[in-house]
Amino acid sequence: MVKTLRKVGENRYRETFGRSYEDFGIGDVYEHRPGRTLTQNDNTWFTLLTMNTHPLHFDAAFAEKTEFGRPLMNSTFTLAVVAGMSVSDVSQKAVANLGWTDIKLTAPVFAGDTIYAETEVLEKRPSNSRPNHGIVTVRTRGVKADGTEFMSFVRSVLVPFEGHGVEDMVNY
């Protein structure tokens, strides 16, 4: 994560996070920290908030009879957490997420698991339609504390060139 301080007044500085287009290197891998230990409350709240009524996520008696033997964490919750972990490194300065592809769920996640994320830069190019911006494509992996990969996805983001982000144009 690129963290910088921007002077906003006499003896006053504001921390900023994220990367401009130039800060991304193809092949670079960013390990996102801190991790997050997931709880059944997280799972139940997210599942009910999003109206996902599958009992495998919040009915322990039902889940006990499945091959998993206990409730699974809602995969869209783990996707949201892993994506969120990557924001300060990958998309804090982005103008937009342009798309998500190849979302893969490769291992179950349960309450009590601690998860981490890491992102590899796959490609980058200047935008054809937006001057002073580029498109960065990354693969993000969700990994449990024991090293088991449980998820991966590819996404593309529109990122400003250095000096052309919102924080460079307004007093944010």
C-alpha atoms as a PDB file:
ATOM      1  CA  MET A   1       0.000   0.000   0.000  1.00  0.00           C
ATOM      2  CA  VAL A   2       1.371   3.361  -0.936  1.00  0.00           C
ATOM      3  CA  LYS A   3       0.870   5.689   2.017  1.00  0.00           C
ATOM      4  CA  THR A   4       1.828   9.294   1.684  1.00  0.00           C
ATOM      5  CA  LEU A   5       1.342  12.467   3.629  1.00  0.00           C
ATOM      6  CA  ARG A   6      -0.048  15.545   1.937  1.00  0.00           C
ATOM      7  CA  LYS A   7       0.478  18.967   3.454  1.00  0.00           C
ATOM      8  CA  VAL A   8      -2.923  20.601   4.047  1.00  0.00           C
ATOM      9  CA  GLY A   9      -1.858  23.528   6.216  1.00  0.00           C
ATOM     10  CA  GLU A  10       0.884  24.953   8.390  1.00  0.00           C
ATOM     11  CA  ASN A  11       2.296  22.005  10.371  1.00  0.00           C
ATOM     12  CA  ARG A  12      -0.718  19.926   9.271  1.00  0.00           C
ATOM     13  CA  TYR A  13      -0.630  16.765   7.124  1.00  0.00           C
ATOM     14  CA  ARG A  14      -3.238  14.296   5.915  1.00  0.00           C
ATOM     15  CA  GLU A  15      -2.430  10.654   5.228  1.00  0.00           C
ATOM     16  CA  THR A  16      -3.483   9.263   1.876  1.00  0.00           C
ATOM     17  CA  PHE A  17      -3.580   5.717   0.611  1.00  0.00           C
ATOM     18  CA  GLY A  18      -3.728   3.968  -2.696  1.00  0.00           C
ATOM     19  CA  ARG A  19      -1.825   3.869  -5.925  1.00  0.00           C
ATOM     20  CA  SER A  20      -1.783   6.050  -8.972  1.00  0.00           C
ATOM     21  CA  TYR A  21      -1.432   4.300 -12.329  1.00  0.00           C
ATOM     22  CA  GLU A  22       2.357   4.697 -12.307  1.00  0.00           C
ATOM     23  CA  ASP A  23       2.635   2.902  -8.939  1.00  0.00           C
ATOM     24  CA  PHE A  24       1.426  -0.440 -10.343  1.00  0.00           C
ATOM     25  CA  GLY A  25       4.057  -2.884 -11.602  1.00  0.00           C
ATOM     26  CA  ILE A  26       3.086  -5.886 -13.707  1.00  0.00           C
ATOM     27  CA  GLY A  27       3.931  -9.012 -11.725  1.00  0.00           C
ATOM     28  CA  ASP A  28       4.004  -7.187  -8.383  1.00  0.00           C
ATOM     29  CA  VAL A  29       2.126  -8.908  -5.548  1.00  0.00           C
ATOM     30  CA  TYR A  30       0.618  -6.834  -2.738  1.00  0.00           C
ATOM     31  CA  GLU A  31      -0.106  -8.632   0.540  1.00  0.00           C
ATOM     32  CA  HIS A  32      -3.078  -6.954   2.214  1.00  0.00           C
ATOM     33  CA  ARG A  33      -3.037  -6.627   5.983  1.00  0.00           C
ATOM     34  CA  PRO A  34      -4.525  -6.778   8.519  1.00  0.00           C
ATOM     35  CA  GLY A  35      -6.398 -10.031   8.160  1.00  0.00           C
ATOM     36  CA  ARG A  36      -9.866 -10.667   9.514  1.00  0.00           C
ATOM     37  CA  THR A  37     -11.170 -13.431  11.767  1.00  0.00           C
ATOM     38  CA  LEU A  38     -14.719 -14.164  10.655  1.00  0.00           C
ATOM     39  CA  THR A  39     -17.560 -14.810  13.092  1.00  0.00           C
ATOM     40  CA  GLN A  40     -20.932 -16.507  12.842  1.00  0.00           C
ATOM     41  CA  ASN A  41     -22.537 -13.154  13.684  1.00  0.00           C
ATOM     42  CA  ASP A  42     -20.865 -11.633  10.596  1.00  0.00           C
ATOM     43  CA  ASN A  43     -22.225 -14.511   8.554  1.00  0.00           C
ATOM     44  CA  THR A  44     -25.776 -14.364   9.907  1.00  0.00           C
ATOM     45  CA  TRP A  45     -26.063 -10.579   9.615  1.00  0.00           C
ATOM     46  CA  PHE A  46     -24.721 -10.505   6.054  1.00  0.00           C
ATOM     47  CA  THR A  47     -26.846 -13.452   4.968  1.00  0.00           C
ATOM     48  CA  LEU A  48     -30.045 -11.950   6.349  1.00  0.00           C
ATOM     49  CA  LEU A  49     -29.193  -8.409   5.210  1.00  0.00           C
ATOM     50  CA  THR A  50     -28.786  -9.645   1.628  1.00  0.00           C
ATOM     51  CA  MET A  51     -31.913 -11.840   1.840  1.00  0.00           C
ATOM     52  CA  ASN A  52     -29.979 -15.029   1.173  1.00  0.00           C
ATOM     53  CA  THR A  53     -32.288 -17.600   2.716  1.00  0.00           C
ATOM     54  CA  HIS A  54     -30.094 -20.676   2.285  1.00  0.00           C
ATOM     55  CA  PRO A  55     -30.021 -22.347   5.719  1.00  0.00           C
ATOM     56  CA  LEU A  56     -26.454 -23.583   5.204  1.00  0.00           C
ATOM     57  CA  HIS A  57     -25.289 -20.127   6.321  1.00  0.00           C
ATOM     58  CA  PHE A  58     -27.334 -19.589   9.488  1.00  0.00           C
ATOM     59  CA  ASP A  59     -29.125 -22.781  10.566  1.00  0.00           C
ATOM     60  CA  ALA A  60     -26.643 -24.889  12.549  1.00  0.00           C
ATOM     61  CA  ALA A  61     -29.019 -27.897  12.790  1.00  0.00           C
ATOM     62  CA  PHE A  62     -29.434 -27.947   9.002  1.00  0.00           C
ATOM     63  CA  ALA A  63     -25.718 -27.383   8.339  1.00  0.00           C
ATOM     64  CA  GLU A  64     -24.808 -30.208  10.732  1.00  0.00           C
ATOM     65  CA  LYS A  65     -26.459 -32.683   8.329  1.00  0.00           C
ATOM     66  CA  THR A  66     -24.436 -31.500   5.313  1.00  0.00           C
ATOM     67  CA  GLU A  67     -20.982 -32.645   4.213  1.00  0.00           C
ATOM     68  CA  PHE A  68     -19.547 -29.572   6.000  1.00  0.00           C
ATOM     69  CA  GLY A  69     -21.047 -30.416   9.400  1.00  0.00           C
ATOM     70  CA  ARG A  70     -21.423 -26.738  10.328  1.00  0.00           C
ATOM     71  CA  PRO A  71     -22.528 -23.463   8.765  1.00  0.00           C
ATOM     72  CA  LEU A  72     -20.514 -22.170   5.829  1.00  0.00           C
ATOM     73  CA  MET A  73     -19.580 -18.527   5.585  1.00  0.00           C
ATOM     74  CA  ASN A  74     -21.635 -16.852   2.869  1.00  0.00           C
ATOM     75  CA  SER A  75     -19.375 -16.685  -0.192  1.00  0.00           C
ATOM     76  CA  THR A  76     -20.551 -13.208  -1.159  1.00  0.00           C
ATOM     77  CA  PHE A  77     -19.558 -12.057   2.326  1.00  0.00           C
ATOM     78  CA  THR A  78     -16.066 -13.497   1.954  1.00  0.00           C
ATOM     79  CA  LEU A  79     -15.865 -11.946  -1.521  1.00  0.00           C
ATOM     80  CA  ALA A  80     -16.795  -8.557  -0.044  1.00  0.00           C
ATOM     81  CA  VAL A  81     -14.225  -8.867   2.747  1.00  0.00           C
ATOM     82  CA  VAL A  82     -11.411  -9.969   0.421  1.00  0.00           C
ATOM     83  CA  ALA A  83     -12.230  -7.197  -2.049  1.00  0.00           C
ATOM     84  CA  GLY A  84     -12.387  -4.720   0.830  1.00  0.00           C
ATOM     85  CA  MET A  85      -8.976  -5.803   2.086  1.00  0.00           C
ATOM     86  CA  SER A  86      -7.516  -4.909  -1.309  1.00  0.00           C
ATOM     87  CA  VAL A  87      -8.994  -1.404  -1.558  1.00  0.00           C
ATOM     88  CA  SER A  88      -6.247   0.573   0.187  1.00  0.00           C
ATOM     89  CA  ASP A  89      -3.625  -0.957  -2.134  1.00  0.00           C
ATOM     90  CA  VAL A  90      -5.503  -1.455  -5.400  1.00  0.00           C
ATOM     91  CA  SER A  91      -8.510   0.808  -5.738  1.00  0.00           C
ATOM     92  CA  GLN A  92      -8.380   3.539  -3.078  1.00  0.00           C
ATOM     93  CA  LYS A  93      -7.697   6.107  -5.812  1.00  0.00           C
ATOM     94  CA  ALA A  94      -9.680   4.348  -8.554  1.00  0.00           C
ATOM     95  CA  VAL A  95     -12.400   6.173 -10.431  1.00  0.00           C
ATOM     96  CA  ALA A  96     -14.364   2.964 -11.013  1.00  0.00           C
ATOM     97  CA  ASN A  97     -14.352  -0.801 -10.920  1.00  0.00           C
ATOM     98  CA  LEU A  98     -14.736  -1.778 -14.581  1.00  0.00           C
ATOM     99  CA  GLY A  99     -15.486  -5.451 -14.200  1.00  0.00           C
ATOM    100  CA  TRP A 100     -14.991  -8.693 -12.341  1.00  0.00           C
ATOM    101  CA  THR A 101     -14.260 -12.052 -13.944  1.00  0.00           C
ATOM    102  CA  ASP A 102     -13.131 -15.546 -13.031  1.00  0.00           C
ATOM    103  CA  ILE A 103     -14.537 -15.550  -9.494  1.00  0.00           C
ATOM    104  CA  LYS A 104     -13.567 -18.952  -8.111  1.00  0.00           C
ATOM    105  CA  LEU A 105     -14.528 -20.440  -4.759  1.00  0.00           C
ATOM    106  CA  THR A 106     -11.981 -23.178  -4.118  1.00  0.00           C
ATOM    107  CA  ALA A 107     -12.358 -24.107  -0.428  1.00  0.00           C
ATOM    108  CA  PRO A 108     -14.982 -23.699   2.285  1.00  0.00           C
ATOM    109  CA  VAL A 109     -14.691 -20.929   4.858  1.00  0.00           C
ATOM    110  CA  PHE A 110     -16.110 -21.238   8.379  1.00  0.00           C
ATOM    111  CA  ALA A 111     -16.690 -19.014  11.369  1.00  0.00           C
ATOM    112  CA  GLY A 112     -13.414 -18.724  13.261  1.00  0.00           C
ATOM    113  CA  ASP A 113     -11.241 -18.770  10.126  1.00  0.00           C
ATOM    114  CA  THR A 114      -8.809 -15.894   9.787  1.00  0.00           C
ATOM    115  CA  ILE A 115      -8.458 -14.754   6.217  1.00  0.00           C
ATOM    116  CA  TYR A 116      -5.981 -12.614   4.312  1.00  0.00           C
ATOM    117  CA  ALA A 117      -5.805 -11.322   0.771  1.00  0.00           C
ATOM    118  CA  GLU A 118      -3.109 -10.709  -1.796  1.00  0.00           C
ATOM    119  CA  THR A 119      -3.243  -9.162  -5.242  1.00  0.00           C
ATOM    120  CA  GLU A 120      -1.040  -9.658  -8.304  1.00  0.00           C
ATOM    121  CA  VAL A 121      -0.917  -7.029 -11.043  1.00  0.00           C
ATOM    122  CA  LEU A 122      -1.628  -8.820 -14.340  1.00  0.00           C
ATOM    123  CA  GLU A 123      -1.636  -5.962 -16.819  1.00  0.00           C
ATOM    124  CA  LYS A 124      -2.028  -2.231 -17.218  1.00  0.00           C
ATOM    125  CA  ARG A 125      -2.571   0.163 -20.089  1.00  0.00           C
ATOM    126  CA  PRO A 126      -3.532   3.784 -20.640  1.00  0.00           C
ATOM    127  CA  SER A 127      -7.269   4.309 -21.104  1.00  0.00           C
ATOM    128  CA  ASN A 128      -8.404   4.856 -24.703  1.00  0.00           C
ATOM    129  CA  SER A 129     -11.334   7.045 -23.656  1.00  0.00           C
ATOM    130  CA  ARG A 130     -10.181   8.861 -20.507  1.00  0.00           C
ATOM    131  CA  PRO A 131      -7.087  11.018 -20.745  1.00  0.00           C
ATOM    132  CA  ASN A 132      -4.918  10.963 -17.618  1.00  0.00           C
ATOM    133  CA  HIS A 133      -6.238   7.534 -16.571  1.00  0.00           C
ATOM    134  CA  GLY A 134      -5.209   3.932 -17.026  1.00  0.00           C
ATOM    135  CA  ILE A 135      -6.777   0.504 -16.674  1.00  0.00           C
ATOM    136  CA  VAL A 136      -5.147  -1.898 -14.243  1.00  0.00           C
ATOM    137  CA  THR A 137      -6.128  -5.575 -14.168  1.00  0.00           C
ATOM    138  CA  VAL A 138      -5.338  -7.639 -11.076  1.00  0.00           C
ATOM    139  CA  ARG A 139      -5.956 -11.097  -9.641  1.00  0.00           C
ATOM    140  CA  THR A 140      -6.838 -11.151  -5.953  1.00  0.00           C
ATOM    141  CA  ARG A 141      -6.634 -14.291  -3.847  1.00  0.00           C
ATOM    142  CA  GLY A 142      -8.268 -14.996  -0.497  1.00  0.00           C
ATOM    143  CA  VAL A 143      -6.059 -17.155   1.711  1.00  0.00           C
ATOM    144  CA  LYS A 144      -6.760 -18.660   5.140  1.00  0.00           C
ATOM    145  CA  ALA A 145      -4.193 -18.309   7.913  1.00  0.00           C
ATOM    146  CA  ASP A 146      -3.113 -21.914   7.272  1.00  0.00           C
ATOM    147  CA  GLY A 147      -2.240 -21.027   3.655  1.00  0.00           C
ATOM    148  CA  THR A 148      -5.316 -22.556   2.001  1.00  0.00           C
ATOM    149  CA  GLU A 149      -6.538 -20.494  -0.937  1.00  0.00           C
ATOM    150  CA  PHE A 150     -10.325 -20.288  -0.752  1.00  0.00           C
ATOM    151  CA  MET A 151     -11.115 -17.725  -3.428  1.00  0.00           C
ATOM    152  CA  SER A 152      -9.716 -15.811  -6.369  1.00  0.00           C
ATOM    153  CA  PHE A 153     -11.043 -13.258  -8.811  1.00  0.00           C
ATOM    154  CA  VAL A 154      -9.843 -10.910 -11.522  1.00  0.00           C
ATOM    155  CA  ARG A 155     -10.928  -7.295 -11.682  1.00  0.00           C
ATOM    156  CA  SER A 156     -10.097  -4.223 -13.696  1.00  0.00           C
ATOM    157  CA  VAL A 157     -10.071  -0.711 -12.271  1.00  0.00           C
ATOM    158  CA  LEU A 158      -9.791   2.724 -13.829  1.00  0.00           C
ATOM    159  CA  VAL A 159      -6.989   4.562 -12.025  1.00  0.00           C
ATOM    160  CA  PRO A 160      -5.830   8.171 -12.483  1.00  0.00           C
ATOM    161  CA  PHE A 161      -2.306   9.032 -13.490  1.00  0.00           C
ATOM    162  CA  GLU A 162      -0.194  10.697 -10.796  1.00  0.00           C
ATOM    163  CA  GLY A 163      -1.518  14.186 -10.056  1.00  0.00           C
ATOM    164  CA  HIS A 164      -4.919  13.598 -11.690  1.00  0.00           C
ATOM    165  CA  GLY A 165      -6.925  11.995  -8.863  1.00  0.00           C
ATOM    166  CA  VAL A 166      -9.830  13.561  -7.022  1.00  0.00           C
ATOM    167  CA  GLU A 167      -7.650  14.293  -3.994  1.00  0.00           C
ATOM    168  CA  ASP A 168      -5.344  16.292  -6.310  1.00  0.00           C
ATOM    169  CA  MET A 169      -8.222  18.470  -7.538  1.00  0.00           C
ATOM    170  CA  VAL A 170     -10.213  19.204  -4.370  1.00  0.00           C
ATOM    171  CA  ASN A 171      -9.332  19.746  -0.745  1.00  0.00           C
ATOM    172  CA  TYR A 172     -10.272  16.269   0.386  1.00  0.00           C
END
